[in-house]
Protein backbone atom coordinates (compact mmCIF):
# COMPACT_ATOMS: atom_id res chain seq x y z
CA UNK A 1 43.08 -0.95 1.53
CA UNK A 2 44.16 2.65 1.06
CA UNK A 3 46.88 1.56 -1.41
CA UNK A 4 44.39 0.00 -3.77
CA UNK A 5 42.06 2.99 -3.55
CA UNK A 6 44.89 5.26 -4.65
CA UNK A 7 45.06 3.27 -7.84
CA UNK A 8 41.45 4.30 -8.60
CA UNK A 9 42.64 7.83 -9.25
CA UNK A 10 44.46 6.55 -12.34
CA UNK A 11 41.45 4.76 -13.87
CA UNK A 12 40.12 7.17 -16.47
CA UNK A 13 37.60 4.60 -17.76
CA UNK A 14 36.00 3.77 -14.39
CA UNK A 15 32.21 3.67 -14.82
CA UNK A 16 30.90 2.34 -11.47
CA UNK A 17 32.03 3.13 -7.93
CA UNK A 18 30.18 1.81 -4.87
CA UNK A 19 31.61 2.74 -1.47
CA UNK A 20 28.36 2.34 0.46
CA UNK A 21 28.40 1.63 4.21
CA UNK A 22 32.13 2.29 4.58
CA UNK A 23 33.47 5.66 5.70
CA UNK A 24 36.99 4.25 6.21
CA UNK A 25 37.40 3.70 2.51
CA UNK A 26 36.52 7.28 1.79
CA UNK A 27 38.99 8.54 4.37
CA UNK A 28 41.79 6.96 2.35
CA UNK A 29 40.33 7.88 -1.02
CA UNK A 30 42.45 10.39 -3.02
CA UNK A 31 39.54 12.48 -4.27
CA UNK A 32 41.74 15.53 -4.95
CA UNK A 33 43.71 13.60 -7.58
CA UNK A 34 40.83 11.62 -9.03
CA UNK A 35 40.44 11.92 -12.79
CA UNK A 36 37.59 9.45 -13.37
CA UNK A 37 34.59 11.77 -13.06
CA UNK A 38 34.37 12.20 -16.81
CA UNK A 39 33.66 8.50 -17.36
CA UNK A 40 31.81 7.57 -14.16
CA UNK A 41 28.18 6.54 -14.65
CA UNK A 42 27.23 5.15 -11.23
CA UNK A 43 28.35 6.59 -7.87
CA UNK A 44 26.86 5.04 -4.72
CA UNK A 45 27.73 6.41 -1.29
CA UNK A 46 24.75 5.01 0.61
CA UNK A 47 25.05 5.15 4.43
CA UNK A 48 28.63 6.40 4.37
CA UNK A 49 28.12 8.78 7.29
CA UNK A 50 30.00 11.86 6.18
CA UNK A 51 30.29 13.14 9.73
CA UNK A 52 32.93 10.47 10.36
CA UNK A 53 35.13 11.62 7.48
CA UNK A 54 37.80 13.90 8.98
CA UNK A 55 39.07 17.23 7.67
CA UNK A 56 40.22 18.17 5.16
CA UNK A 57 38.64 15.24 3.29
CA UNK A 58 35.11 16.22 4.31
CA UNK A 59 35.67 19.68 2.85
CA UNK A 60 36.24 18.20 -0.56
CA UNK A 61 34.10 15.11 -0.41
CA UNK A 62 31.22 16.84 1.31
CA UNK A 63 27.98 17.33 -0.62
CA UNK A 64 28.73 20.81 -1.96
CA UNK A 65 32.07 19.96 -3.59
CA UNK A 66 30.64 16.64 -4.76
CA UNK A 67 27.64 18.21 -6.45
CA UNK A 68 29.71 20.95 -8.05
CA UNK A 69 32.06 18.55 -9.78
CA UNK A 70 31.56 18.13 -13.49
CA UNK A 71 29.95 14.70 -13.78
CA UNK A 72 29.45 14.57 -17.53
CA UNK A 73 28.39 10.92 -17.89
CA UNK A 74 26.96 10.28 -14.42
CA UNK A 75 23.61 8.50 -14.64
CA UNK A 76 23.02 7.36 -11.04
CA UNK A 77 23.91 9.18 -7.81
CA UNK A 78 23.16 7.62 -4.41
CA UNK A 79 23.75 9.73 -1.26
CA UNK A 80 20.91 8.41 0.94
CA UNK A 81 21.10 7.66 4.67
CA UNK A 82 23.99 9.91 5.55
CA UNK A 83 24.11 12.90 7.88
CA UNK A 84 24.16 15.54 5.18
CA UNK A 85 22.89 18.88 6.45
CA UNK A 86 22.18 22.34 5.15
CA UNK A 87 20.67 23.23 1.80
CA UNK A 88 21.56 21.66 -1.53
CA UNK A 89 23.58 24.15 -3.61
CA UNK A 90 21.55 25.86 -6.31
CA UNK A 91 24.34 26.49 -8.82
CA UNK A 92 24.91 22.87 -9.82
CA UNK A 93 25.51 21.82 -13.41
CA UNK A 94 26.94 18.92 -15.32
CA UNK A 95 24.31 16.28 -14.50
CA UNK A 96 22.59 16.24 -17.86
CA UNK A 97 22.77 12.43 -18.09
CA UNK A 98 21.49 11.78 -14.58
CA UNK A 99 18.34 9.65 -14.49
CA UNK A 100 18.46 8.38 -10.87
CA UNK A 101 19.02 10.71 -7.90
CA UNK A 102 18.70 9.34 -4.34
CA UNK A 103 19.16 11.87 -1.52
CA UNK A 104 16.74 10.45 1.06
CA UNK A 105 17.12 10.12 4.84
CA UNK A 106 19.47 13.04 5.44
CA UNK A 107 18.96 16.42 7.06
CA UNK A 108 18.69 18.56 3.95
CA UNK A 109 16.84 21.84 4.49
CA UNK A 110 15.60 24.70 2.33
CA UNK A 111 13.75 24.42 -0.94
CA UNK A 112 14.31 21.78 -3.61
CA UNK A 113 16.71 23.51 -6.05
CA UNK A 114 15.54 24.04 -9.61
CA UNK A 115 18.46 22.13 -11.12
CA UNK A 116 16.92 18.91 -9.74
CA UNK A 117 13.49 19.46 -11.28
CA UNK A 118 15.21 20.58 -14.50
CA UNK A 119 17.16 17.37 -15.04
CA UNK A 120 16.11 16.39 -18.58
CA UNK A 121 16.56 12.62 -18.20
CA UNK A 122 15.28 12.13 -14.64
CA UNK A 123 13.33 8.94 -13.98
CA UNK A 124 13.90 8.06 -10.30
CA UNK A 125 13.94 10.70 -7.56
CA UNK A 126 13.98 10.06 -3.82
CA UNK A 127 14.12 13.12 -1.55
CA UNK A 128 12.10 11.56 1.28
CA UNK A 129 12.86 11.83 4.99
CA UNK A 130 14.48 15.25 4.93
CA UNK A 131 13.43 18.77 5.92
CA UNK A 132 12.74 20.34 2.54
CA UNK A 133 10.13 23.10 2.56
CA UNK A 134 8.35 25.42 0.18
CA UNK A 135 6.92 24.64 -3.22
CA UNK A 136 7.91 22.05 -5.80
CA UNK A 137 8.82 23.54 -9.17
CA UNK A 138 7.64 22.01 -12.42
CA UNK A 139 9.61 19.01 -13.68
CA UNK A 140 11.30 19.21 -17.09
CA UNK A 141 11.64 15.49 -17.62
CA UNK A 142 8.82 13.60 -19.36
CA UNK A 143 10.19 10.23 -18.30
CA UNK A 144 9.49 10.26 -14.56
CA UNK A 145 8.85 6.76 -13.26
CA UNK A 146 9.38 6.74 -9.46
CA UNK A 147 9.02 9.83 -7.22
CA UNK A 148 9.21 9.87 -3.42
CA UNK A 149 9.00 13.27 -1.70
CA UNK A 150 7.49 11.96 1.53
CA UNK A 151 8.23 13.12 5.06
CA UNK A 152 9.28 16.70 4.40
CA UNK A 153 7.61 20.09 4.88
CA UNK A 154 6.52 20.73 1.30
CA UNK A 155 3.31 22.62 0.62
CA UNK A 156 1.10 24.31 -2.00
CA UNK A 157 -0.24 22.53 -5.06
CA UNK A 158 1.00 19.35 -6.71
CA UNK A 159 2.96 20.40 -9.83
CA UNK A 160 1.04 19.90 -13.05
CA UNK A 161 4.10 18.30 -14.60
CA UNK A 162 3.83 15.47 -12.07
CA UNK A 163 0.25 14.87 -13.09
CA UNK A 164 1.12 14.40 -16.77
CA UNK A 165 3.65 11.59 -16.56
CA UNK A 166 2.49 8.58 -18.56
CA UNK A 167 5.36 6.45 -17.25
CA UNK A 168 4.93 7.24 -13.56
CA UNK A 169 4.32 4.08 -11.54
CA UNK A 170 5.07 5.32 -7.99
CA UNK A 171 4.20 8.68 -6.42
CA UNK A 172 4.48 9.46 -2.71
CA UNK A 173 4.12 12.92 -1.21
CA UNK A 174 3.05 11.66 2.21
CA UNK A 175 3.75 13.45 5.49
CA UNK A 176 3.97 16.96 4.11
CA UNK A 177 1.80 20.08 4.29
CA UNK A 178 -0.17 19.78 1.05
CA UNK A 179 -3.71 21.11 1.28
CA UNK A 180 -5.14 20.78 -2.23
CA UNK A 181 -8.80 20.24 -2.92
CA UNK A 182 -8.45 16.64 -4.00
CA UNK A 183 -10.09 15.40 -7.17
CA UNK A 184 -9.24 12.02 -8.63
CA UNK A 185 -9.68 13.35 -12.15
CA UNK A 186 -6.46 15.32 -11.60
CA UNK A 187 -4.61 11.99 -11.81
CA UNK A 188 -6.34 10.85 -14.98
CA UNK A 189 -3.21 11.14 -17.12
CA UNK A 190 -1.21 8.81 -14.87
CA UNK A 191 -2.40 5.74 -16.70
CA UNK A 192 0.38 3.48 -15.42
CA UNK A 193 0.36 4.59 -11.78
CA UNK A 194 0.57 1.65 -9.38
CA UNK A 195 1.11 3.38 -6.02
CA UNK A 196 -0.36 6.71 -4.92
CA UNK A 197 0.46 7.83 -1.38
CA UNK A 198 -1.08 11.13 -0.26
CA UNK A 199 -1.28 10.26 3.43
CA UNK A 200 -0.58 12.56 6.38
CA UNK A 201 -1.36 15.84 4.66
CA UNK A 202 -4.35 18.18 4.73
CA UNK A 203 -6.07 17.16 1.51
CA UNK A 204 -9.83 17.71 1.33
CA UNK A 205 -12.64 17.50 -1.16
CA UNK A 206 -15.73 19.64 -1.27
CA UNK A 207 -17.83 17.38 -3.44
CA UNK A 208 -17.77 13.71 -2.60
CA UNK A 209 -18.50 12.87 -6.23
CA UNK A 210 -15.05 14.14 -7.05
CA UNK A 211 -13.65 11.23 -5.12
CA UNK A 212 -15.40 8.67 -7.27
CA UNK A 213 -13.44 7.68 -10.31
CA UNK A 214 -13.10 4.87 -12.81
CA UNK A 215 -9.64 6.13 -13.69
CA UNK A 216 -6.27 4.81 -12.58
CA UNK A 217 -7.03 1.26 -13.61
CA UNK A 218 -3.43 0.21 -12.90
CA UNK A 219 -3.54 1.44 -9.30
CA UNK A 220 -2.97 -1.23 -6.65
CA UNK A 221 -1.92 0.83 -3.57
CA UNK A 222 -3.98 3.88 -2.55
CA UNK A 223 -3.10 5.61 0.73
CA UNK A 224 -5.23 8.58 1.84
CA UNK A 225 -4.75 8.23 5.59
CA UNK A 226 -4.77 11.19 7.96
CA UNK A 227 -6.21 13.95 5.82
CA UNK A 228 -9.44 15.95 6.23
CA UNK A 229 -11.58 14.05 3.73
CA UNK A 230 -15.31 14.27 4.38
CA UNK A 231 -18.53 12.79 3.07
CA UNK A 232 -19.14 9.19 2.11
CA UNK A 233 -16.55 6.52 1.46
CA UNK A 234 -15.22 6.73 -2.12
CA UNK A 235 -14.94 3.52 -4.09
CA UNK A 236 -11.42 3.19 -5.52
CA UNK A 237 -10.60 1.68 -8.93
CA UNK A 238 -11.32 -2.01 -9.28
CA UNK A 239 -7.61 -2.82 -9.50
CA UNK A 240 -6.81 -1.58 -5.97
CA UNK A 241 -5.39 -4.17 -3.57
CA UNK A 242 -4.48 -2.02 -0.55
CA UNK A 243 -6.83 0.83 0.38
CA UNK A 244 -6.00 3.06 3.36
CA UNK A 245 -8.34 5.92 4.22
CA UNK A 246 -8.32 5.88 8.02
CA UNK A 247 -8.15 8.96 10.29
CA UNK A 248 -10.32 11.19 8.16
CA UNK A 249 -13.82 12.61 8.61
CA UNK A 250 -15.84 10.19 6.51
CA UNK A 251 -19.44 9.68 7.53
CA UNK A 252 -22.55 7.93 6.17
CA UNK A 253 -22.84 4.18 5.65
CA UNK A 254 -20.21 1.89 4.20
CA UNK A 255 -21.40 1.28 0.62
CA UNK A 256 -21.82 -2.37 -0.27
CA UNK A 257 -20.17 -1.62 -3.62
CA UNK A 258 -16.83 -1.84 -1.82
CA UNK A 259 -17.33 -5.61 -1.83
CA UNK A 260 -17.09 -5.66 -5.62
CA UNK A 261 -13.34 -5.00 -5.48
CA UNK A 262 -12.20 -8.52 -6.26
CA UNK A 263 -8.49 -7.84 -5.65
CA UNK A 264 -8.90 -5.89 -2.41
CA UNK A 265 -6.58 -7.34 0.26
CA UNK A 266 -6.39 -4.57 2.89
CA UNK A 267 -9.26 -2.23 3.77
CA UNK A 268 -8.42 0.30 6.47
CA UNK A 269 -11.36 2.56 7.39
CA UNK A 270 -10.37 3.14 11.02
CA UNK A 271 -10.97 6.37 12.95
CA UNK A 272 -13.67 7.96 10.87
CA UNK A 273 -17.35 8.59 11.63
CA UNK A 274 -18.86 5.87 9.49
CA UNK A 275 -22.25 4.71 10.72
CA UNK A 276 -24.83 2.02 10.22
CA UNK A 277 -24.36 -1.71 9.91
CA UNK A 278 -21.34 -3.61 8.64
CA UNK A 279 -22.07 -4.80 5.09
CA UNK A 280 -22.77 -8.56 5.17
CA UNK A 281 -20.97 -8.95 1.86
CA UNK A 282 -17.58 -8.45 3.54
CA UNK A 283 -17.59 -12.17 4.26
CA UNK A 284 -17.70 -13.00 0.55
CA UNK A 285 -14.67 -10.97 -0.53
CA UNK A 286 -12.31 -13.56 -1.95
CA UNK A 287 -9.02 -11.71 -1.40
CA UNK A 288 -9.59 -9.75 1.80
CA UNK A 289 -6.96 -10.29 4.50
CA UNK A 290 -7.32 -7.18 6.67
CA UNK A 291 -10.56 -5.47 7.71
CA UNK A 292 -9.89 -2.53 10.02
CA UNK A 293 -13.11 -0.72 11.00
CA UNK A 294 -12.12 0.37 14.52
CA UNK A 295 -13.17 3.66 16.07
CA UNK A 296 -16.23 4.48 13.99
CA UNK A 297 -19.93 4.73 14.82
CA UNK A 298 -20.97 1.38 13.39
CA UNK A 299 -23.99 -0.16 15.07
CA UNK A 300 -26.39 -3.09 14.95
CA UNK A 301 -25.47 -6.74 14.93
CA UNK A 302 -22.63 -8.27 12.94
CA UNK A 303 -24.44 -9.98 10.08
CA UNK A 304 -21.30 -10.81 8.10
CA UNK A 305 -21.21 -14.43 7.00
CA UNK A 306 -17.64 -15.43 6.33
CA UNK A 307 -17.37 -18.05 3.62
CA UNK A 308 -15.34 -21.23 3.90
CA UNK A 309 -11.72 -20.62 2.94
CA UNK A 310 -11.92 -16.91 3.70
CA UNK A 311 -8.35 -15.49 3.76
CA UNK A 312 -9.05 -13.00 6.58
CA UNK A 313 -6.08 -12.72 8.98
CA UNK A 314 -6.94 -9.49 10.87
CA UNK A 315 -10.43 -8.29 11.88
CA UNK A 316 -10.63 -5.15 14.00
CA UNK A 317 -13.96 -3.69 15.12
CA UNK A 318 -12.75 -2.03 18.32
CA UNK A 319 -14.55 1.07 19.53
CA UNK A 320 -17.92 0.93 17.79
CA UNK A 321 -21.50 0.38 19.00
CA UNK A 322 -22.01 -3.17 17.81
CA UNK A 323 -24.52 -5.41 19.56
CA UNK A 324 -25.59 -9.03 19.57
CA UNK A 325 -23.44 -12.11 19.29
CA UNK A 326 -20.00 -12.83 17.90
CA UNK A 327 -20.57 -14.22 14.37
CA UNK A 328 -20.06 -17.99 14.37
CA UNK A 329 -18.95 -17.95 10.74
CA UNK A 330 -15.58 -16.62 11.92
CA UNK A 331 -14.87 -20.31 12.39
CA UNK A 332 -14.31 -20.40 8.61
CA UNK A 333 -11.41 -17.93 8.83
CA UNK A 334 -8.63 -20.46 9.38
CA UNK A 335 -5.90 -17.87 8.75
CA UNK A 336 -7.18 -15.44 11.37
CA UNK A 337 -4.39 -14.13 13.62
CA UNK A 338 -5.85 -10.96 15.15
CA UNK A 339 -9.45 -10.55 16.32
CA UNK A 340 -10.27 -7.33 18.17
CA UNK A 341 -13.93 -6.83 19.10
CA UNK A 342 -13.20 -4.69 22.13
CA UNK A 343 -15.16 -1.67 23.35
CA UNK A 344 -18.51 -2.54 21.85
CA UNK A 345 -21.83 -3.76 23.29
CA UNK A 346 -21.67 -7.40 22.28
CA UNK A 347 -23.85 -9.67 24.42
CA UNK A 348 -22.65 -13.26 24.32
CA UNK A 349 -20.86 -15.96 26.26
CA UNK A 350 -17.16 -16.76 25.91
CA UNK A 351 -16.51 -17.98 22.31
CA UNK A 352 -14.66 -21.17 23.16
CA UNK A 353 -15.27 -22.30 19.58
CA UNK A 354 -12.73 -19.70 18.41
CA UNK A 355 -10.08 -21.89 20.02
CA UNK A 356 -10.28 -24.28 17.09
CA UNK A 357 -8.73 -21.65 14.82
CA UNK A 358 -5.08 -22.71 14.60
CA UNK A 359 -3.44 -19.31 14.10
CA UNK A 360 -5.16 -16.87 16.49
CA UNK A 361 -2.45 -14.88 18.24
CA UNK A 362 -4.42 -11.88 19.55
CA UNK A 363 -7.96 -12.05 20.97
CA UNK A 364 -9.44 -8.91 22.51
CA UNK A 365 -13.02 -8.95 23.76
CA UNK A 366 -12.54 -6.23 26.38
CA UNK A 367 -15.31 -3.84 27.44
CA UNK A 368 -18.41 -5.59 26.15
CA UNK A 369 -21.42 -7.24 27.77
CA UNK A 370 -20.08 -10.78 27.57
CA UNK A 371 -21.08 -12.95 30.49
CA UNK A 372 -21.24 -16.37 32.10
CA UNK A 373 -18.61 -18.85 33.25
CA UNK A 374 -15.76 -19.98 31.02
CA UNK A 375 -16.47 -23.68 30.96
CA UNK A 376 -14.08 -26.52 30.33
CA UNK A 377 -14.33 -27.96 26.84
CA UNK A 378 -13.97 -31.57 25.79
CA UNK A 379 -12.11 -30.41 22.69
CA UNK A 380 -8.37 -30.73 23.11
CA UNK A 381 -5.72 -28.29 21.93
CA UNK A 382 -7.83 -25.12 21.89
CA UNK A 383 -6.06 -21.75 21.51
CA UNK A 384 -2.56 -23.10 20.84
CA UNK A 385 -1.04 -19.84 19.53
CA UNK A 386 -2.31 -16.81 21.52
CA UNK A 387 0.12 -14.12 22.61
CA UNK A 388 -2.55 -11.75 23.90
CA UNK A 389 -5.84 -12.62 25.57
CA UNK A 390 -7.91 -9.69 26.83
CA UNK A 391 -11.43 -10.34 28.15
CA UNK A 392 -11.41 -7.54 30.73
CA UNK A 393 -14.39 -5.39 31.70
CA UNK A 394 -17.11 -7.92 31.01
CA UNK A 395 -19.43 -10.02 33.15
CA UNK A 396 -17.59 -13.35 33.27
CA UNK A 397 -17.83 -15.23 36.55
CA UNK A 398 -16.86 -18.50 38.19
CA UNK A 399 -13.34 -19.87 38.54
CA UNK A 400 -10.45 -18.60 36.47
CA UNK A 401 -10.12 -20.60 33.23
CA UNK A 402 -7.42 -23.07 34.31
CA UNK A 403 -8.30 -25.18 31.28
CA UNK A 404 -7.31 -22.34 28.94
CA UNK A 405 -4.06 -21.65 30.79
CA UNK A 406 -3.04 -25.24 30.22
CA UNK A 407 -3.68 -24.90 26.47
CA UNK A 408 -1.75 -21.67 25.82
CA UNK A 409 1.23 -23.41 24.28
CA UNK A 410 2.74 -20.24 22.75
CA UNK A 411 2.98 -18.68 26.21
CA UNK A 412 4.92 -21.61 27.60
CA UNK A 413 8.18 -20.87 25.85
CA UNK A 414 10.49 -17.90 25.45
CA UNK A 415 12.12 -17.49 22.05
CA UNK A 416 15.66 -16.60 23.03
CA UNK A 417 16.93 -17.02 19.47
CA UNK A 418 15.02 -14.07 18.01
CA UNK A 419 17.75 -11.67 16.92
CA UNK A 420 15.55 -8.88 15.54
CA UNK A 421 12.10 -7.75 16.72
CA UNK A 422 9.19 -9.36 14.92
CA UNK A 423 5.76 -7.82 14.74
CA UNK A 424 2.37 -9.16 13.78
CA UNK A 425 1.45 -7.87 10.35
CA UNK A 426 3.32 -7.27 7.13
CA UNK A 427 5.00 -4.50 5.12
CA UNK A 428 1.74 -2.79 4.22
CA UNK A 429 -0.23 -3.16 7.44
CA UNK A 430 0.90 -3.38 11.06
CA UNK A 431 -1.72 -4.56 13.54
CA UNK A 432 -2.37 -2.46 16.66
CA UNK A 433 -4.23 -3.09 19.91
CA UNK A 434 -5.27 -1.32 23.10
CA UNK A 435 -4.00 -2.91 26.31
CA UNK A 436 -3.82 -2.18 30.02
CA UNK A 437 -0.27 -2.38 31.33
CA UNK A 438 1.48 -0.92 34.35
CA UNK A 439 -1.76 0.64 35.51
CA UNK A 440 -2.36 2.55 32.28
CA UNK A 441 -4.44 2.01 29.17
CA UNK A 442 -2.32 2.38 26.05
CA UNK A 443 -2.42 1.60 22.36
CA UNK A 444 0.33 -0.52 20.89
CA UNK A 445 0.71 0.77 17.34
CA UNK A 446 2.61 -2.41 16.53
CA UNK A 447 2.24 -5.77 18.24
CA UNK A 448 5.58 -7.27 19.24
CA UNK A 449 5.28 -11.00 18.81
CA UNK A 450 6.99 -11.70 22.16
CA UNK A 451 4.81 -9.28 24.14
CA UNK A 452 2.47 -11.80 25.79
CA UNK A 453 -0.50 -10.64 27.86
CA UNK A 454 -3.34 -12.11 29.90
CA UNK A 455 -5.93 -9.57 31.05
CA UNK A 456 -8.96 -10.94 32.93
CA UNK A 457 -9.54 -7.81 35.03
CA UNK A 458 -12.86 -6.18 35.93
CA UNK A 459 -15.01 -9.30 35.83
CA UNK A 460 -16.57 -11.40 38.61
CA UNK A 461 -14.14 -14.28 38.78
CA UNK A 462 -13.96 -16.16 42.08
CA UNK A 463 -11.83 -18.86 43.65
CA UNK A 464 -8.06 -18.91 43.78
CA UNK A 465 -5.30 -18.07 41.33
CA UNK A 466 -4.38 -21.40 39.71
CA UNK A 467 -0.75 -22.38 40.12
CA UNK A 468 -0.66 -23.71 36.53
CA UNK A 469 -0.02 -20.14 35.49
CA UNK A 470 3.62 -20.80 36.38
CA UNK A 471 3.93 -22.72 33.12
CA UNK A 472 3.25 -19.59 31.03
CA UNK A 473 6.87 -18.52 31.31
CA UNK A 474 6.82 -15.97 28.48
CA UNK A 475 4.13 -13.79 30.08
CA UNK A 476 4.99 -10.09 30.17
CA UNK A 477 1.72 -8.63 31.51
CA UNK A 478 -0.75 -10.29 33.92
CA UNK A 479 -3.81 -8.36 35.05
CA UNK A 480 -6.49 -10.11 37.08
CA UNK A 481 -7.44 -7.10 39.20
CA UNK A 482 -10.99 -6.06 40.15
CA UNK A 483 -12.42 -9.52 40.66
CA UNK A 484 -13.36 -11.54 43.77
CA UNK A 485 -10.37 -13.87 43.95
CA UNK A 486 -9.50 -15.42 47.29
CA UNK A 487 -6.69 -17.47 48.80
CA UNK A 488 -2.96 -16.89 48.73
CA UNK A 489 -0.80 -15.39 46.01
CA UNK A 490 0.88 -18.45 44.45
CA UNK A 491 4.60 -18.66 44.99
CA UNK A 492 4.75 -20.06 41.45
CA UNK A 493 4.29 -16.52 40.07
CA UNK A 494 7.95 -16.07 40.91
CA UNK A 495 8.85 -18.37 38.00
CA UNK A 496 7.45 -15.94 35.40
CA UNK A 497 10.88 -14.51 34.70
CA UNK A 498 9.76 -12.26 31.80
CA UNK A 499 7.01 -10.55 33.78
CA UNK A 500 7.01 -6.73 33.60
CA UNK A 501 3.56 -5.89 34.96
CA UNK A 502 1.52 -7.76 37.62
CA UNK A 503 -1.80 -6.39 38.83
CA UNK A 504 -3.70 -8.35 41.50
CA UNK A 505 -5.39 -5.35 43.08
CA UNK A 506 -9.00 -5.11 44.27
CA UNK A 507 -9.57 -8.76 45.11
CA UNK A 508 -9.91 -10.71 48.35
CA UNK A 509 -6.46 -12.26 48.44
CA UNK A 510 -5.04 -13.13 51.84
CA UNK A 511 -1.79 -14.26 53.41
CA UNK A 512 1.65 -12.85 52.79
CA UNK A 513 3.31 -11.56 49.64
CA UNK A 514 5.59 -14.41 48.48
CA UNK A 515 9.25 -13.46 48.70
CA UNK A 516 9.71 -15.37 45.41
CA UNK A 517 8.31 -12.33 43.61
CA UNK A 518 11.53 -10.46 44.35
CA UNK A 519 13.25 -12.68 41.77
CA UNK A 520 11.24 -10.99 38.99
CA UNK A 521 13.97 -8.57 37.94
CA UNK A 522 12.03 -7.22 34.93
CA UNK A 523 8.99 -6.34 37.04
CA UNK A 524 8.37 -2.62 36.54
CA UNK A 525 4.83 -2.48 37.93
CA UNK A 526 3.20 -4.32 40.82
CA UNK A 527 -0.15 -3.71 42.47
CA UNK A 528 -1.57 -5.89 45.23
CA UNK A 529 -3.55 -3.03 46.73
CA UNK A 530 -6.98 -3.41 48.29
CA UNK A 531 -6.81 -7.05 49.32
CA UNK A 532 -6.49 -8.74 52.73
CA UNK A 533 -2.74 -9.29 52.71
CA UNK A 534 -0.68 -9.38 55.88
CA UNK A 535 2.94 -9.55 56.99
CA UNK A 536 6.08 -7.81 55.87
CA UNK A 537 6.56 -6.57 52.34
CA UNK A 538 9.55 -8.44 50.84
CA UNK A 539 12.73 -6.51 50.15
CA UNK A 540 15.18 -6.73 47.29
CA UNK A 541 15.49 -6.04 43.57
CA UNK A 542 12.44 -4.34 42.08
CA UNK A 543 10.53 -4.18 45.36
CA UNK A 544 12.60 -1.21 46.39
CA UNK A 545 11.15 0.81 43.49
CA UNK A 546 7.41 0.29 44.03
CA UNK A 547 5.39 3.17 45.54
CA UNK A 548 3.10 2.85 48.56
CA UNK A 549 0.08 2.80 46.23
CA UNK A 550 1.15 -0.70 45.15
CA UNK A 551 0.35 -2.01 48.64
CA UNK A 552 -2.30 0.31 50.09
CA UNK A 553 -5.65 -1.00 51.27
CA UNK A 554 -4.14 -4.02 53.07
CA UNK A 555 -4.48 -3.34 56.77
CA UNK A 556 -2.15 -6.18 57.73
CA UNK A 557 0.79 -5.20 55.52
CA UNK A 558 3.81 -3.39 56.91
CA UNK A 559 7.31 -2.44 55.88
CA UNK A 560 8.77 -0.25 53.14
CA UNK A 561 7.27 1.70 51.38
CA UNK A 562 4.34 1.81 53.82
CA UNK A 563 4.67 3.92 56.90
CA UNK A 564 4.24 0.93 59.20
CA UNK A 565 7.59 -0.35 60.39
CA UNK A 566 8.58 -3.97 59.91
CA UNK A 567 10.75 -4.91 62.84
CA UNK A 568 12.71 -7.59 61.02
CA UNK A 569 13.63 -5.16 58.19
CA UNK A 570 11.30 -6.76 55.72
CA UNK A 571 12.67 -10.27 55.85
CA UNK A 572 9.78 -12.59 55.17
CA UNK A 573 9.78 -15.98 56.89
CA UNK A 574 9.22 -19.13 54.85
CA UNK A 575 5.65 -19.53 53.64
CA UNK A 576 3.36 -21.11 56.16
CA UNK A 577 1.44 -22.85 53.40
CA UNK A 578 3.14 -26.03 52.14
CA UNK A 579 3.99 -25.89 48.45
CA UNK A 580 1.88 -28.98 47.71
CA UNK A 581 -1.18 -27.29 49.17
CA UNK A 582 -0.29 -24.11 47.28
CA UNK A 583 -0.23 -26.03 44.01
CA UNK A 584 -3.56 -27.61 44.84
């Protein structure tokens, strides 16, 4: 390969060179004798990893020597996703034809040099995911089309030259230290702007009327997340499809005018201080797919009537003060995948009717006032797709819902062919959920599609643990603690080979701990504390890592890690309960 690269040094008319994702090619590249820079128009060195290029090649082909070469005709330069460090040299010239400069995802530091903002033909600039700091100088080019300065340490005001670009369609300055007093009229000259991302800064506005604007009629993505915006919810331009304004300080009621946005697909209002009732008109929005209203102060009953054919796929109301019943019109949301009504004050029975929705993967009803037994339904095939079922901290009673366990088809198989992680959600919006796992309450900021959970804890369930649970072989977390369950721990739990967390604590379980549980090699958390268990604690595999708190409160248990000695060194005799009776 090196032989052919040497020939490139004798190509005076070379116009395009792409050596992306290959440091070995560059090692053998004769840069010191290369005479093609005068004609080259496109140079792409994406993900080359300069740190792997040995001396003395790195001295020449490093960023400083590269940027100081006289690239008369160069139009596009791609150096993203390398390990380039230090500051970009300030005395660079010879890039007068450059219209695309990509330097993202490196470790550049210092200020953005003036030669970049002075490029007369610049259209595309990506400096994101670096460590640039200080102010941004005014841009000379009038042709800017795509600018990404996100994830740096930039501060002060947005340059006026950026706000007067008629051709600008994409602008992101997210995850910086900007603290302007935001006013949408400042963007009035950006008539073609399609994406505006100001998230994760310290923007504010002193007058909520400043946030209301009929400008930016080409805007389809507006991201204002994680700032310090106060007052009432601003209504974005009618063209907006994705509207993110979570993690701010918005208060007051949600204006019903938000329902007039006919193209709105994602509405993320989470983690504010919005109050009052949920607008009933949400159910009539023809394009809405994601409604995220979690962690606000919303109250009253849910009066939203979802129309037939509603495209809603994610509905999150977690952490409000909502009362009453679960709206039956959710039955019209056939595309619904995620429903999180947790941590409210809903007073209803178990919504078995939701099981007819064919795509529900996540159902969280935790910490409400739901009550009653979970009865068997005559309808077949309910809840075929769930990966997460959480009905903890309610008032359900009676036997555990064996009928539901038998229906959870998606939990009965492990997808061993999945080569890359898949998450619920899409490019614009990743669903999140609060779960209890390994004895802790945590928020999953993304929901891994293979992370399957059943949480029935803190209710009043009685009877025994049904052995049919052995068929749910993809289960990762099982929590049925804090109930009134009796009988033995089923040996069939040992067949849940993917299990990482098993909590059976605070029940009335009796008998011995099945030695089959030692075969669960992924088990990182186990609690059978505060039951009526007896005998020796099994030894082997993960059982040697569990603390004494996993077994405390069982007067008849002995062996490691409890202080009571087990004379036979923890070897558990065969179960005294026949397997047929155990299954029954």
